[in-house]
Amino acid sequence: MLAIEVNQLLSVCKYAILVQLKIALYISKLRAFCSLLYSDRPCFTP
């Protein structure tokens, strides 16, 4: 019983980490695109 709960917790943590990585990747892509568009002025920093 405990092993199943720990397994579920681990899968939830993996999913959360994956989502955070995707968001970070999206933000970095957005920032790179923004810096390409407006190379003369600094872009937003979230």
PDB file of N, CA and C in Angstrom:
ATOM      1  N   MET A   1       0.834  -1.203   0.000  1.00  0.00           N
ATOM      2  CA  MET A   1       0.000   0.000   0.000  1.00  0.00           C
ATOM      3  C   MET A   1       0.872   1.258   0.000  1.00  0.00           C
ATOM      4  N   LEU A   2       1.876   1.260   0.872  1.00  0.00           N
ATOM      5  CA  LEU A   2       2.754   2.426   0.961  1.00  0.00           C
ATOM      6  C   LEU A   2       3.565   2.605  -0.318  1.00  0.00           C
ATOM      7  N   ALA A   3       3.985   1.483  -0.905  1.00  0.00           N
ATOM      8  CA  ALA A   3       4.780   1.551  -2.135  1.00  0.00           C
ATOM      9  C   ALA A   3       3.980   2.184  -3.270  1.00  0.00           C
ATOM     10  N   ILE A   4       2.686   1.887  -3.323  1.00  0.00           N
ATOM     11  CA  ILE A   4       1.837   2.452  -4.371  1.00  0.00           C
ATOM     12  C   ILE A   4       1.723   3.966  -4.185  1.00  0.00           C
ATOM     13  N   GLU A   5       1.542   4.412  -2.950  1.00  0.00           N
ATOM     14  CA  GLU A   5       1.429   5.846  -2.692  1.00  0.00           C
ATOM     15  C   GLU A   5       2.726   6.566  -3.039  1.00  0.00           C
ATOM     16  N   VAL A   6       3.854   5.975  -2.667  1.00  0.00           N
ATOM     17  CA  VAL A   6       5.151   6.580  -2.985  1.00  0.00           C
ATOM     18  C   VAL A   6       5.344   6.646  -4.496  1.00  0.00           C
ATOM     19  N   ASN A   7       4.918   5.601  -5.187  1.00  0.00           N
ATOM     20  CA  ASN A   7       5.028   5.566  -6.647  1.00  0.00           C
ATOM     21  C   ASN A   7       4.186   6.670  -7.285  1.00  0.00           C
ATOM     22  N   GLN A   8       2.963   6.848  -6.778  1.00  0.00           N
ATOM     23  CA  GLN A   8       2.100   7.910  -7.302  1.00  0.00           C
ATOM     24  C   GLN A   8       2.718   9.279  -7.042  1.00  0.00           C
ATOM     25  N   LEU A   9       3.276   9.461  -5.852  1.00  0.00           N
ATOM     26  CA  LEU A   9       3.905  10.729  -5.507  1.00  0.00           C
ATOM     27  C   LEU A   9       5.080  11.017  -6.436  1.00  0.00           C
ATOM     28  N   LEU A  10       5.876   9.996  -6.712  1.00  0.00           N
ATOM     29  CA  LEU A  10       7.023  10.156  -7.608  1.00  0.00           C
ATOM     30  C   LEU A  10       6.571  10.525  -9.017  1.00  0.00           C
ATOM     31  N   SER A  11       5.510   9.895  -9.497  1.00  0.00           N
ATOM     32  CA  SER A  11       5.041  10.201 -10.848  1.00  0.00           C
ATOM     33  C   SER A  11       4.494  11.625 -10.917  1.00  0.00           C
ATOM     34  N   VAL A  12       3.825  12.069  -9.850  1.00  0.00           N
ATOM     35  CA  VAL A  12       3.328  13.446  -9.807  1.00  0.00           C
ATOM     36  C   VAL A  12       4.496  14.428  -9.802  1.00  0.00           C
ATOM     37  N   CYS A  13       5.537  14.116  -9.031  1.00  0.00           N
ATOM     38  CA  CYS A  13       6.714  14.987  -8.985  1.00  0.00           C
ATOM     39  C   CYS A  13       7.406  15.042 -10.346  1.00  0.00           C
ATOM     40  N   LYS A  14       7.522  13.892 -11.004  1.00  0.00           N
ATOM     41  CA  LYS A  14       8.130  13.863 -12.343  1.00  0.00           C
ATOM     42  C   LYS A  14       7.326  14.725 -13.302  1.00  0.00           C
ATOM     43  N   TYR A  15       5.995  14.626 -13.228  1.00  0.00           N
ATOM     44  CA  TYR A  15       5.133  15.406 -14.116  1.00  0.00           C
ATOM     45  C   TYR A  15       5.303  16.900 -13.857  1.00  0.00           C
ATOM     46  N   ALA A  16       5.361  17.280 -12.575  1.00  0.00           N
ATOM     47  CA  ALA A  16       5.517  18.686 -12.224  1.00  0.00           C
ATOM     48  C   ALA A  16       6.860  19.225 -12.721  1.00  0.00           C
ATOM     49  N   ILE A  17       7.916  18.433 -12.567  1.00  0.00           N
ATOM     50  CA  ILE A  17       9.239  18.849 -13.037  1.00  0.00           C
ATOM     51  C   ILE A  17       9.237  18.999 -14.558  1.00  0.00           C
ATOM     52  N   LEU A  18       8.577  18.075 -15.246  1.00  0.00           N
ATOM     53  CA  LEU A  18       8.489  18.130 -16.702  1.00  0.00           C
ATOM     54  C   LEU A  18       7.763  19.396 -17.149  1.00  0.00           C
ATOM     55  N   VAL A  19       6.663  19.720 -16.474  1.00  0.00           N
ATOM     56  CA  VAL A  19       5.897  20.920 -16.811  1.00  0.00           C
ATOM     57  C   VAL A  19       6.744  22.172 -16.582  1.00  0.00           C
ATOM     58  N   GLN A  20       7.468  22.211 -15.455  1.00  0.00           N
ATOM     59  CA  GLN A  20       8.324  23.362 -15.174  1.00  0.00           C
ATOM     60  C   GLN A  20       9.421  23.502 -16.219  1.00  0.00           C
ATOM     61  N   LEU A  21       9.985  22.381 -16.652  1.00  0.00           N
ATOM     62  CA  LEU A  21      11.025  22.421 -17.687  1.00  0.00           C
ATOM     63  C   LEU A  21      10.460  22.949 -19.004  1.00  0.00           C
ATOM     64  N   LYS A  22       9.253  22.504 -19.361  1.00  0.00           N
ATOM     65  CA  LYS A  22       8.637  22.978 -20.601  1.00  0.00           C
ATOM     66  C   LYS A  22       8.361  24.470 -20.527  1.00  0.00           C
ATOM     67  N   ILE A  23       7.883  24.945 -19.371  1.00  0.00           N
ATOM     68  CA  ILE A  23       7.613  26.370 -19.204  1.00  0.00           C
ATOM     69  C   ILE A  23       8.908  27.174 -19.300  1.00  0.00           C
ATOM     70  N   ALA A  24       9.965  26.679 -18.656  1.00  0.00           N
ATOM     71  CA  ALA A  24      11.251  27.374 -18.699  1.00  0.00           C
ATOM     72  C   ALA A  24      11.793  27.423 -20.125  1.00  0.00           C
ATOM     73  N   LEU A  25      11.639  26.328 -20.854  1.00  0.00           N
ATOM     74  CA  LEU A  25      12.091  26.273 -22.241  1.00  0.00           C
ATOM     75  C   LEU A  25      11.303  27.264 -23.093  1.00  0.00           C
ATOM     76  N   TYR A  26       9.990  27.338 -22.868  1.00  0.00           N
ATOM     77  CA  TYR A  26       9.139  28.255 -23.613  1.00  0.00           C
ATOM     78  C   TYR A  26       9.532  29.700 -23.338  1.00  0.00           C
ATOM     79  N   ILE A  27       9.801  30.010 -22.053  1.00  0.00           N
ATOM     80  CA  ILE A  27      10.191  31.367 -21.687  1.00  0.00           C
ATOM     81  C   ILE A  27      11.531  31.733 -22.321  1.00  0.00           C
ATOM     82  N   SER A  28      12.476  30.787 -22.323  1.00  0.00           N
ATOM     83  CA  SER A  28      13.782  31.086 -22.908  1.00  0.00           C
ATOM     84  C   SER A  28      13.671  31.272 -24.424  1.00  0.00           C
ATOM     85  N   LYS A  29      12.815  30.480 -25.074  1.00  0.00           N
ATOM     86  CA  LYS A  29      12.595  30.661 -26.509  1.00  0.00           C
ATOM     87  C   LYS A  29      11.963  32.019 -26.776  1.00  0.00           C
ATOM     88  N   LEU A  30      10.981  32.382 -25.956  1.00  0.00           N
ATOM     89  CA  LEU A  30      10.294  33.658 -26.108  1.00  0.00           C
ATOM     90  C   LEU A  30      11.271  34.811 -25.919  1.00  0.00           C
ATOM     91  N   ARG A  31      12.150  34.678 -24.913  1.00  0.00           N
ATOM     92  CA  ARG A  31      13.128  35.723 -24.639  1.00  0.00           C
ATOM     93  C   ARG A  31      14.125  35.847 -25.790  1.00  0.00           C
ATOM     94  N   ALA A  32      14.550  34.706 -26.355  1.00  0.00           N
ATOM     95  CA  ALA A  32      15.480  34.734 -27.486  1.00  0.00           C
ATOM     96  C   ALA A  32      14.821  35.388 -28.700  1.00  0.00           C
ATOM     97  N   PHE A  33      13.568  35.043 -28.953  1.00  0.00           N
ATOM     98  CA  PHE A  33      12.829  35.630 -30.069  1.00  0.00           C
ATOM     99  C   PHE A  33      12.649  37.128 -29.864  1.00  0.00           C
ATOM    100  N   CYS A  34      12.354  37.502 -28.630  1.00  0.00           N
ATOM    101  CA  CYS A  34      12.156  38.907 -28.296  1.00  0.00           C
ATOM    102  C   CYS A  34      13.457  39.687 -28.476  1.00  0.00           C
ATOM    103  N   SER A  35      14.572  39.099 -28.069  1.00  0.00           N
ATOM    104  CA  SER A  35      15.852  39.790 -28.209  1.00  0.00           C
ATOM    105  C   SER A  35      16.242  39.903 -29.683  1.00  0.00           C
ATOM    106  N   LEU A  36      15.793  38.954 -30.508  1.00  0.00           N
ATOM    107  CA  LEU A  36      16.036  39.064 -31.949  1.00  0.00           C
ATOM    108  C   LEU A  36      15.217  40.210 -32.540  1.00  0.00           C
ATOM    109  N   LEU A  37      13.981  40.330 -32.085  1.00  0.00           N
ATOM    110  CA  LEU A  37      13.114  41.386 -32.605  1.00  0.00           C
ATOM    111  C   LEU A  37      13.585  42.764 -32.155  1.00  0.00           C
ATOM    112  N   TYR A  38      13.808  42.899 -30.851  1.00  0.00           N
ATOM    113  CA  TYR A  38      14.205  44.187 -30.297  1.00  0.00           C
ATOM    114  C   TYR A  38      15.632  44.094 -29.780  1.00  0.00           C
ATOM    115  N   SER A  39      16.579  44.061 -30.685  1.00  0.00           N
ATOM    116  CA  SER A  39      17.970  43.892 -30.265  1.00  0.00           C
ATOM    117  C   SER A  39      18.534  45.190 -29.696  1.00  0.00           C
ATOM    118  N   ASP A  40      17.889  46.319 -29.981  1.00  0.00           N
ATOM    119  CA  ASP A  40      18.419  47.593 -29.504  1.00  0.00           C
ATOM    120  C   ASP A  40      17.973  47.919 -28.081  1.00  0.00           C
ATOM    121  N   ARG A  41      16.848  47.338 -27.643  1.00  0.00           N
ATOM    122  CA  ARG A  41      16.384  47.613 -26.272  1.00  0.00           C
ATOM    123  C   ARG A  41      16.238  46.307 -25.490  1.00  0.00           C
ATOM    124  N   PRO A  42      16.430  46.358 -24.188  1.00  0.00           N
ATOM    125  CA  PRO A  42      16.359  45.130 -23.373  1.00  0.00           C
ATOM    126  C   PRO A  42      14.943  44.573 -23.315  1.00  0.00           C
ATOM    127  N   CYS A  43      14.857  43.269 -23.281  1.00  0.00           N
ATOM    128  CA  CYS A  43      13.563  42.599 -23.271  1.00  0.00           C
ATOM    129  C   CYS A  43      13.076  42.406 -21.835  1.00  0.00           C
ATOM    130  N   PHE A  44      11.845  41.961 -21.705  1.00  0.00           N
ATOM    131  CA  PHE A  44      11.286  41.726 -20.376  1.00  0.00           C
ATOM    132  C   PHE A  44      11.991  40.565 -19.688  1.00  0.00           C
ATOM    133  N   THR A  45      12.047  40.640 -18.365  1.00  0.00           N
ATOM    134  CA  THR A  45      12.662  39.562 -17.585  1.00  0.00           C
ATOM    135  C   THR A  45      11.658  39.044 -16.571  1.00  0.00           C
ATOM    136  N   PRO A  46      11.061  37.903 -16.843  1.00  0.00           N
ATOM    137  CA  PRO A  46      10.063  37.344 -15.925  1.00  0.00           C
ATOM    138  C   PRO A  46      10.689  36.787 -14.659  1.00  0.00           C
TER     139      PRO A  46
END
